[in-house]
């Protein structure tokens, strides 16, 4: 989990969504937001050694104990789907 002062260095579009969370749920919300935002960059492509091409779309799998803030990712995705 990042130090609390690192959240202040995030872009404004991420900071606004994270304002309502604290501690571990805030970290889960940040991960979910980054993966959701990457999905709106479909035309961004990366070339690796001239043969492989990668898109910017990231995927997120959260495997954690119960009551660890995993449901925050559902909340973030629901807001961004509207």
PDB file of N, CA and C in Angstrom:
ATOM      1  N   UNK A   1       0.843  -1.170   0.000  1.00  0.00           N
ATOM      2  CA  UNK A   1       0.000   0.000   0.000  1.00  0.00           C
ATOM      3  C   UNK A   1       0.892   1.238   0.000  1.00  0.00           C
ATOM      4  N   UNK A   2       0.579   2.229  -0.852  1.00  0.00           N
ATOM      5  CA  UNK A   2       1.422   3.428  -0.897  1.00  0.00           C
ATOM      6  C   UNK A   2       1.248   4.311   0.338  1.00  0.00           C
ATOM      7  N   UNK A   3       2.225   5.158   0.558  1.00  0.00           N
ATOM      8  CA  UNK A   3       2.147   6.120   1.655  1.00  0.00           C
ATOM      9  C   UNK A   3       1.024   7.120   1.350  1.00  0.00           C
ATOM     10  N   UNK A   4       0.347   7.632   2.373  1.00  0.00           N
ATOM     11  CA  UNK A   4      -0.788   8.550   2.153  1.00  0.00           C
ATOM     12  C   UNK A   4      -0.443   9.785   1.324  1.00  0.00           C
ATOM     13  N   UNK A   5       0.779  10.307   1.439  1.00  0.00           N
ATOM     14  CA  UNK A   5       1.119  11.519   0.686  1.00  0.00           C
ATOM     15  C   UNK A   5       1.217  11.255  -0.823  1.00  0.00           C
ATOM     16  N   UNK A   6       1.381  10.012  -1.231  1.00  0.00           N
ATOM     17  CA  UNK A   6       1.450   9.695  -2.664  1.00  0.00           C
ATOM     18  C   UNK A   6       0.117   9.895  -3.367  1.00  0.00           C
ATOM     19  N   UNK A   7      -0.983   9.774  -2.648  1.00  0.00           N
ATOM     20  CA  UNK A   7      -2.291   9.977  -3.268  1.00  0.00           C
ATOM     21  C   UNK A   7      -2.452  11.413  -3.752  1.00  0.00           C
ATOM     22  N   UNK A   8      -1.794  12.344  -3.108  1.00  0.00           N
ATOM     23  CA  UNK A   8      -1.864  13.746  -3.524  1.00  0.00           C
ATOM     24  C   UNK A   8      -1.181  14.010  -4.854  1.00  0.00           C
ATOM     25  N   UNK A   9      -0.322  13.111  -5.309  1.00  0.00           N
ATOM     26  CA  UNK A   9       0.408  13.276  -6.572  1.00  0.00           C
ATOM     27  C   UNK A   9      -0.328  12.662  -7.763  1.00  0.00           C
ATOM     28  N   UNK A  10      -1.482  12.067  -7.524  1.00  0.00           N
ATOM     29  CA  UNK A  10      -2.243  11.443  -8.602  1.00  0.00           C
ATOM     30  C   UNK A  10      -2.924  12.500  -9.469  1.00  0.00           C
ATOM     31  N   UNK A  11      -3.252  12.159 -10.708  1.00  0.00           N
ATOM     32  CA  UNK A  11      -4.019  13.086 -11.548  1.00  0.00           C
ATOM     33  C   UNK A  11      -5.380  13.388 -10.924  1.00  0.00           C
ATOM     34  N   UNK A  12      -5.917  14.542 -11.244  1.00  0.00           N
ATOM     35  CA  UNK A  12      -7.174  15.010 -10.651  1.00  0.00           C
ATOM     36  C   UNK A  12      -8.317  14.020 -10.877  1.00  0.00           C
ATOM     37  N   UNK A  13      -8.375  13.391 -12.052  1.00  0.00           N
ATOM     38  CA  UNK A  13      -9.491  12.481 -12.329  1.00  0.00           C
ATOM     39  C   UNK A  13      -9.473  11.259 -11.402  1.00  0.00           C
ATOM     40  N   UNK A  14      -8.324  10.894 -10.860  1.00  0.00           N
ATOM     41  CA  UNK A  14      -8.253   9.806  -9.888  1.00  0.00           C
ATOM     42  C   UNK A  14      -8.505  10.307  -8.475  1.00  0.00           C
ATOM     43  N   UNK A  15      -7.979  11.479  -8.150  1.00  0.00           N
ATOM     44  CA  UNK A  15      -8.127  12.013  -6.789  1.00  0.00           C
ATOM     45  C   UNK A  15      -9.583  12.211  -6.403  1.00  0.00           C
ATOM     46  N   UNK A  16     -10.393  12.667  -7.329  1.00  0.00           N
ATOM     47  CA  UNK A  16     -11.808  12.935  -7.028  1.00  0.00           C
ATOM     48  C   UNK A  16     -12.513  11.652  -6.598  1.00  0.00           C
ATOM     49  N   UNK A  17     -12.271  10.551  -7.304  1.00  0.00           N
ATOM     50  CA  UNK A  17     -12.928   9.284  -6.956  1.00  0.00           C
ATOM     51  C   UNK A  17     -12.433   8.711  -5.640  1.00  0.00           C
ATOM     52  N   UNK A  18     -11.188   8.965  -5.302  1.00  0.00           N
ATOM     53  CA  UNK A  18     -10.601   8.359  -4.108  1.00  0.00           C
ATOM     54  C   UNK A  18     -10.885   9.135  -2.830  1.00  0.00           C
ATOM     55  N   UNK A  19     -11.448  10.328  -2.942  1.00  0.00           N
ATOM     56  CA  UNK A  19     -11.662  11.177  -1.764  1.00  0.00           C
ATOM     57  C   UNK A  19     -12.569  10.541  -0.719  1.00  0.00           C
ATOM     58  N   UNK A  20     -13.476   9.670  -1.122  1.00  0.00           N
ATOM     59  CA  UNK A  20     -14.441   9.127  -0.164  1.00  0.00           C
ATOM     60  C   UNK A  20     -13.933   7.896   0.575  1.00  0.00           C
ATOM     61  N   UNK A  21     -12.755   7.400   0.209  1.00  0.00           N
ATOM     62  CA  UNK A  21     -12.218   6.176   0.809  1.00  0.00           C
ATOM     63  C   UNK A  21     -11.017   6.467   1.697  1.00  0.00           C
ATOM     64  N   UNK A  22     -10.716   5.528   2.582  1.00  0.00           N
ATOM     65  CA  UNK A  22      -9.553   5.609   3.466  1.00  0.00           C
ATOM     66  C   UNK A  22      -8.828   4.263   3.478  1.00  0.00           C
ATOM     67  N   UNK A  23      -7.541   4.295   3.727  1.00  0.00           N
ATOM     68  CA  UNK A  23      -6.709   3.107   3.945  1.00  0.00           C
ATOM     69  C   UNK A  23      -6.808   2.071   2.814  1.00  0.00           C
ATOM     70  N   UNK A  24      -7.083   0.810   3.159  1.00  0.00           N
ATOM     71  CA  UNK A  24      -7.086  -0.273   2.174  1.00  0.00           C
ATOM     72  C   UNK A  24      -8.162  -0.067   1.101  1.00  0.00           C
ATOM     73  N   UNK A  25      -9.407   0.313   1.443  1.00  0.00           N
ATOM     74  CA  UNK A  25     -10.382   0.562   0.374  1.00  0.00           C
ATOM     75  C   UNK A  25      -9.925   1.646  -0.603  1.00  0.00           C
ATOM     76  N   UNK A  26      -9.184   2.624  -0.122  1.00  0.00           N
ATOM     77  CA  UNK A  26      -8.674   3.673  -1.008  1.00  0.00           C
ATOM     78  C   UNK A  26      -7.684   3.081  -2.009  1.00  0.00           C
ATOM     79  N   UNK A  27      -6.840   2.181  -1.554  1.00  0.00           N
ATOM     80  CA  UNK A  27      -5.881   1.520  -2.437  1.00  0.00           C
ATOM     81  C   UNK A  27      -6.605   0.654  -3.461  1.00  0.00           C
ATOM     82  N   UNK A  28      -7.618  -0.092  -3.037  1.00  0.00           N
ATOM     83  CA  UNK A  28      -8.406  -0.915  -3.957  1.00  0.00           C
ATOM     84  C   UNK A  28      -9.103  -0.042  -4.995  1.00  0.00           C
ATOM     85  N   UNK A  29      -9.622   1.105  -4.558  1.00  0.00           N
ATOM     86  CA  UNK A  29     -10.284   2.032  -5.478  1.00  0.00           C
ATOM     87  C   UNK A  29      -9.300   2.580  -6.499  1.00  0.00           C
ATOM     88  N   UNK A  30      -8.070   2.853  -6.075  1.00  0.00           N
ATOM     89  CA  UNK A  30      -7.058   3.351  -6.997  1.00  0.00           C
ATOM     90  C   UNK A  30      -6.729   2.293  -8.056  1.00  0.00           C
ATOM     91  N   UNK A  31      -6.536   1.055  -7.643  1.00  0.00           N
ATOM     92  CA  UNK A  31      -6.250  -0.020  -8.598  1.00  0.00           C
ATOM     93  C   UNK A  31      -7.394  -0.196  -9.598  1.00  0.00           C
ATOM     94  N   UNK A  32      -8.631  -0.201  -9.096  1.00  0.00           N
ATOM     95  CA  UNK A  32      -9.792  -0.369  -9.976  1.00  0.00           C
ATOM     96  C   UNK A  32      -9.914   0.801 -10.945  1.00  0.00           C
ATOM     97  N   UNK A  33      -9.651   2.003 -10.482  1.00  0.00           N
ATOM     98  CA  UNK A  33      -9.744   3.180 -11.347  1.00  0.00           C
ATOM     99  C   UNK A  33      -8.695   3.147 -12.449  1.00  0.00           C
ATOM    100  N   UNK A  34      -7.491   2.755 -12.109  1.00  0.00           N
ATOM    101  CA  UNK A  34      -6.425   2.689 -13.112  1.00  0.00           C
ATOM    102  C   UNK A  34      -6.766   1.666 -14.194  1.00  0.00           C
ATOM    103  N   UNK A  35      -7.270   0.516 -13.792  1.00  0.00           N
ATOM    104  CA  UNK A  35      -7.612  -0.494 -14.802  1.00  0.00           C
ATOM    105  C   UNK A  35      -8.811  -0.060 -15.633  1.00  0.00           C
ATOM    106  N   UNK A  36      -9.788   0.615 -15.032  1.00  0.00           N
ATOM    107  CA  UNK A  36     -10.943   1.096 -15.789  1.00  0.00           C
ATOM    108  C   UNK A  36     -10.546   2.204 -16.765  1.00  0.00           C
ATOM    109  N   UNK A  37      -9.710   3.114 -16.312  1.00  0.00           N
ATOM    110  CA  UNK A  37      -9.279   4.216 -17.174  1.00  0.00           C
ATOM    111  C   UNK A  37      -8.456   3.692 -18.344  1.00  0.00           C
ATOM    112  N   UNK A  38      -7.692   2.647 -18.127  1.00  0.00           N
ATOM    113  CA  UNK A  38      -6.891   2.094 -19.228  1.00  0.00           C
ATOM    114  C   UNK A  38      -7.772   1.579 -20.362  1.00  0.00           C
ATOM    115  N   UNK A  39      -8.997   1.227 -20.049  1.00  0.00           N
ATOM    116  CA  UNK A  39      -9.917   0.738 -21.072  1.00  0.00           C
ATOM    117  C   UNK A  39     -10.410   1.807 -22.019  1.00  0.00           C
ATOM    118  N   UNK A  40     -10.260   3.077 -21.648  1.00  0.00           N
ATOM    119  CA  UNK A  40     -10.690   4.153 -22.543  1.00  0.00           C
ATOM    120  C   UNK A  40      -9.565   4.608 -23.464  1.00  0.00           C
ATOM    121  N   UNK A  41      -8.454   3.900 -23.449  1.00  0.00           N
ATOM    122  CA  UNK A  41      -7.317   4.233 -24.305  1.00  0.00           C
ATOM    123  C   UNK A  41      -7.106   3.140 -25.362  1.00  0.00           C
ATOM    124  N   UNK A  42      -8.117   2.797 -26.159  1.00  0.00           N
ATOM    125  CA  UNK A  42      -7.984   1.657 -27.067  1.00  0.00           C
ATOM    126  C   UNK A  42      -7.013   1.890 -28.224  1.00  0.00           C
ATOM    127  N   UNK A  43      -6.738   3.137 -28.575  1.00  0.00           N
ATOM    128  CA  UNK A  43      -5.867   3.405 -29.720  1.00  0.00           C
ATOM    129  C   UNK A  43      -4.395   3.516 -29.338  1.00  0.00           C
ATOM    130  N   UNK A  44      -4.102   3.432 -28.064  1.00  0.00           N
ATOM    131  CA  UNK A  44      -2.723   3.521 -27.619  1.00  0.00           C
ATOM    132  C   UNK A  44      -2.085   2.136 -27.714  1.00  0.00           C
ATOM    133  N   UNK A  45      -1.036   2.017 -28.497  1.00  0.00           N
ATOM    134  CA  UNK A  45      -0.381   0.722 -28.701  1.00  0.00           C
ATOM    135  C   UNK A  45       1.116   0.847 -28.439  1.00  0.00           C
ATOM    136  N   UNK A  46       1.665  -0.220 -27.905  1.00  0.00           N
ATOM    137  CA  UNK A  46       3.091  -0.278 -27.607  1.00  0.00           C
ATOM    138  C   UNK A  46       3.717  -1.393 -28.426  1.00  0.00           C
ATOM    139  N   UNK A  47       4.886  -1.146 -28.970  1.00  0.00           N
ATOM    140  CA  UNK A  47       5.603  -2.161 -29.736  1.00  0.00           C
ATOM    141  C   UNK A  47       6.777  -2.673 -28.912  1.00  0.00           C
ATOM    142  N   UNK A  48       6.937  -3.970 -28.924  1.00  0.00           N
ATOM    143  CA  UNK A  48       8.031  -4.596 -28.190  1.00  0.00           C
ATOM    144  C   UNK A  48       8.924  -5.336 -29.171  1.00  0.00           C
ATOM    145  N   UNK A  49      10.136  -4.899 -29.290  1.00  0.00           N
ATOM    146  CA  UNK A  49      11.132  -5.501 -30.181  1.00  0.00           C
ATOM    147  C   UNK A  49      10.638  -5.612 -31.619  1.00  0.00           C
ATOM    148  N   UNK A  50       9.754  -4.711 -32.008  1.00  0.00           N
ATOM    149  CA  UNK A  50       9.294  -4.643 -33.382  1.00  0.00           C
ATOM    150  C   UNK A  50       8.356  -5.745 -33.830  1.00  0.00           C
ATOM    151  N   UNK A  51       8.089  -6.721 -32.993  1.00  0.00           N
ATOM    152  CA  UNK A  51       7.240  -7.830 -33.427  1.00  0.00           C
ATOM    153  C   UNK A  51       5.939  -7.944 -32.643  1.00  0.00           C
ATOM    154  N   UNK A  52       5.934  -7.572 -31.381  1.00  0.00           N
ATOM    155  CA  UNK A  52       4.734  -7.695 -30.562  1.00  0.00           C
ATOM    156  C   UNK A  52       4.098  -6.325 -30.378  1.00  0.00           C
ATOM    157  N   UNK A  53       2.783  -6.322 -30.373  1.00  0.00           N
ATOM    158  CA  UNK A  53       2.055  -5.081 -30.161  1.00  0.00           C
ATOM    159  C   UNK A  53       1.126  -5.257 -28.965  1.00  0.00           C
ATOM    160  N   UNK A  54       1.184  -4.323 -28.029  1.00  0.00           N
ATOM    161  CA  UNK A  54       0.372  -4.389 -26.814  1.00  0.00           C
ATOM    162  C   UNK A  54      -0.547  -3.184 -26.742  1.00  0.00           C
ATOM    163  N   UNK A  55      -1.741  -3.393 -26.228  1.00  0.00           N
ATOM    164  CA  UNK A  55      -2.670  -2.291 -25.972  1.00  0.00           C
ATOM    165  C   UNK A  55      -2.503  -1.826 -24.537  1.00  0.00           C
ATOM    166  N   UNK A  56      -3.040  -0.657 -24.260  1.00  0.00           N
ATOM    167  CA  UNK A  56      -2.928  -0.092 -22.914  1.00  0.00           C
ATOM    168  C   UNK A  56      -3.976  -0.645 -21.957  1.00  0.00           C
ATOM    169  N   UNK A  57      -4.879  -1.475 -22.435  1.00  0.00           N
ATOM    170  CA  UNK A  57      -5.954  -1.987 -21.593  1.00  0.00           C
ATOM    171  C   UNK A  57      -5.396  -2.950 -20.543  1.00  0.00           C
ATOM    172  N   UNK A  58      -5.538  -2.583 -19.284  1.00  0.00           N
ATOM    173  CA  UNK A  58      -5.060  -3.400 -18.170  1.00  0.00           C
ATOM    174  C   UNK A  58      -6.205  -4.217 -17.585  1.00  0.00           C
ATOM    175  N   UNK A  59      -5.878  -5.331 -16.990  1.00  0.00           N
ATOM    176  CA  UNK A  59      -6.868  -6.170 -16.328  1.00  0.00           C
ATOM    177  C   UNK A  59      -6.490  -6.286 -14.864  1.00  0.00           C
ATOM    178  N   UNK A  60      -7.489  -6.418 -14.014  1.00  0.00           N
ATOM    179  CA  UNK A  60      -7.247  -6.448 -12.582  1.00  0.00           C
ATOM    180  C   UNK A  60      -7.970  -7.640 -11.967  1.00  0.00           C
ATOM    181  N   UNK A  61      -7.230  -8.479 -11.312  1.00  0.00           N
ATOM    182  CA  UNK A  61      -7.792  -9.572 -10.523  1.00  0.00           C
ATOM    183  C   UNK A  61      -7.415  -9.302  -9.076  1.00  0.00           C
ATOM    184  N   UNK A  62      -8.417  -9.237  -8.226  1.00  0.00           N
ATOM    185  CA  UNK A  62      -8.169  -8.983  -6.812  1.00  0.00           C
ATOM    186  C   UNK A  62      -8.448 -10.269  -6.045  1.00  0.00           C
ATOM    187  N   UNK A  63      -7.411 -10.789  -5.433  1.00  0.00           N
ATOM    188  CA  UNK A  63      -7.542 -11.976  -4.591  1.00  0.00           C
ATOM    189  C   UNK A  63      -7.107 -11.552  -3.194  1.00  0.00           C
ATOM    190  N   UNK A  64      -8.046 -11.501  -2.284  1.00  0.00           N
ATOM    191  CA  UNK A  64      -7.738 -11.035  -0.933  1.00  0.00           C
ATOM    192  C   UNK A  64      -8.718 -11.658   0.052  1.00  0.00           C
ATOM    193  N   UNK A  65      -8.409 -11.497   1.305  1.00  0.00           N
ATOM    194  CA  UNK A  65      -9.267 -12.027   2.365  1.00  0.00           C
ATOM    195  C   UNK A  65     -10.600 -11.290   2.384  1.00  0.00           C
ATOM    196  N   UNK A  66     -11.568 -11.883   3.086  1.00  0.00           N
ATOM    197  CA  UNK A  66     -12.849 -11.219   3.246  1.00  0.00           C
ATOM    198  C   UNK A  66     -12.659  -9.923   4.041  1.00  0.00           C
ATOM    199  N   UNK A  67     -13.541  -8.980   3.802  1.00  0.00           N
ATOM    200  CA  UNK A  67     -13.517  -7.667   4.466  1.00  0.00           C
ATOM    201  C   UNK A  67     -12.229  -6.896   4.189  1.00  0.00           C
ATOM    202  N   UNK A  68     -11.687  -7.057   2.980  1.00  0.00           N
ATOM    203  CA  UNK A  68     -10.448  -6.351   2.650  1.00  0.00           C
ATOM    204  C   UNK A  68     -10.670  -5.208   1.668  1.00  0.00           C
ATOM    205  N   UNK A  69     -11.919  -4.880   1.381  1.00  0.00           N
ATOM    206  CA  UNK A  69     -12.207  -3.748   0.508  1.00  0.00           C
ATOM    207  C   UNK A  69     -12.380  -4.099  -0.955  1.00  0.00           C
ATOM    208  N   UNK A  70     -12.549  -5.382  -1.271  1.00  0.00           N
ATOM    209  CA  UNK A  70     -12.692  -5.794  -2.669  1.00  0.00           C
ATOM    210  C   UNK A  70     -13.949  -5.215  -3.319  1.00  0.00           C
ATOM    211  N   UNK A  71     -14.999  -5.008  -2.545  1.00  0.00           N
ATOM    212  CA  UNK A  71     -16.247  -4.494  -3.104  1.00  0.00           C
ATOM    213  C   UNK A  71     -16.104  -3.069  -3.641  1.00  0.00           C
ATOM    214  N   UNK A  72     -15.064  -2.370  -3.239  1.00  0.00           N
ATOM    215  CA  UNK A  72     -14.822  -1.021  -3.735  1.00  0.00           C
ATOM    216  C   UNK A  72     -14.602  -1.045  -5.243  1.00  0.00           C
ATOM    217  N   UNK A  73     -13.965  -2.086  -5.748  1.00  0.00           N
ATOM    218  CA  UNK A  73     -13.730  -2.182  -7.194  1.00  0.00           C
ATOM    219  C   UNK A  73     -15.052  -2.248  -7.957  1.00  0.00           C
ATOM    220  N   UNK A  74     -16.054  -2.906  -7.393  1.00  0.00           N
ATOM    221  CA  UNK A  74     -17.378  -2.933  -8.024  1.00  0.00           C
ATOM    222  C   UNK A  74     -18.007  -1.546  -8.011  1.00  0.00           C
ATOM    223  N   UNK A  75     -17.852  -0.824  -6.916  1.00  0.00           N
ATOM    224  CA  UNK A  75     -18.399   0.531  -6.819  1.00  0.00           C
ATOM    225  C   UNK A  75     -17.770   1.451  -7.859  1.00  0.00           C
ATOM    226  N   UNK A  76     -16.459   1.385  -7.996  1.00  0.00           N
ATOM    227  CA  UNK A  76     -15.739   2.235  -8.949  1.00  0.00           C
ATOM    228  C   UNK A  76     -16.166   1.899 -10.377  1.00  0.00           C
ATOM    229  N   UNK A  77     -16.251   0.641 -10.710  1.00  0.00           N
ATOM    230  CA  UNK A  77     -16.636   0.240 -12.062  1.00  0.00           C
ATOM    231  C   UNK A  77     -18.067   0.664 -12.373  1.00  0.00           C
ATOM    232  N   UNK A  78     -18.962   0.573 -11.402  1.00  0.00           N
ATOM    233  CA  UNK A  78     -20.342   0.969 -11.619  1.00  0.00           C
ATOM    234  C   UNK A  78     -20.451   2.460 -11.898  1.00  0.00           C
ATOM    235  N   UNK A  79     -19.662   3.265 -11.215  1.00  0.00           N
ATOM    236  CA  UNK A  79     -19.677   4.719 -11.435  1.00  0.00           C
ATOM    237  C   UNK A  79     -19.158   5.045 -12.825  1.00  0.00           C
ATOM    238  N   UNK A  80     -18.099   4.375 -13.261  1.00  0.00           N
ATOM    239  CA  UNK A  80     -17.501   4.680 -14.561  1.00  0.00           C
ATOM    240  C   UNK A  80     -18.316   4.116 -15.717  1.00  0.00           C
ATOM    241  N   UNK A  81     -19.214   3.169 -15.467  1.00  0.00           N
ATOM    242  CA  UNK A  81     -20.058   2.631 -16.532  1.00  0.00           C
ATOM    243  C   UNK A  81     -21.203   3.577 -16.872  1.00  0.00           C
ATOM    244  N   UNK A  82     -21.521   4.516 -16.000  1.00  0.00           N
ATOM    245  CA  UNK A  82     -22.660   5.431 -16.230  1.00  0.00           C
ATOM    246  C   UNK A  82     -22.357   6.433 -17.301  1.00  0.00           C
TER     247      UNK A  82
END
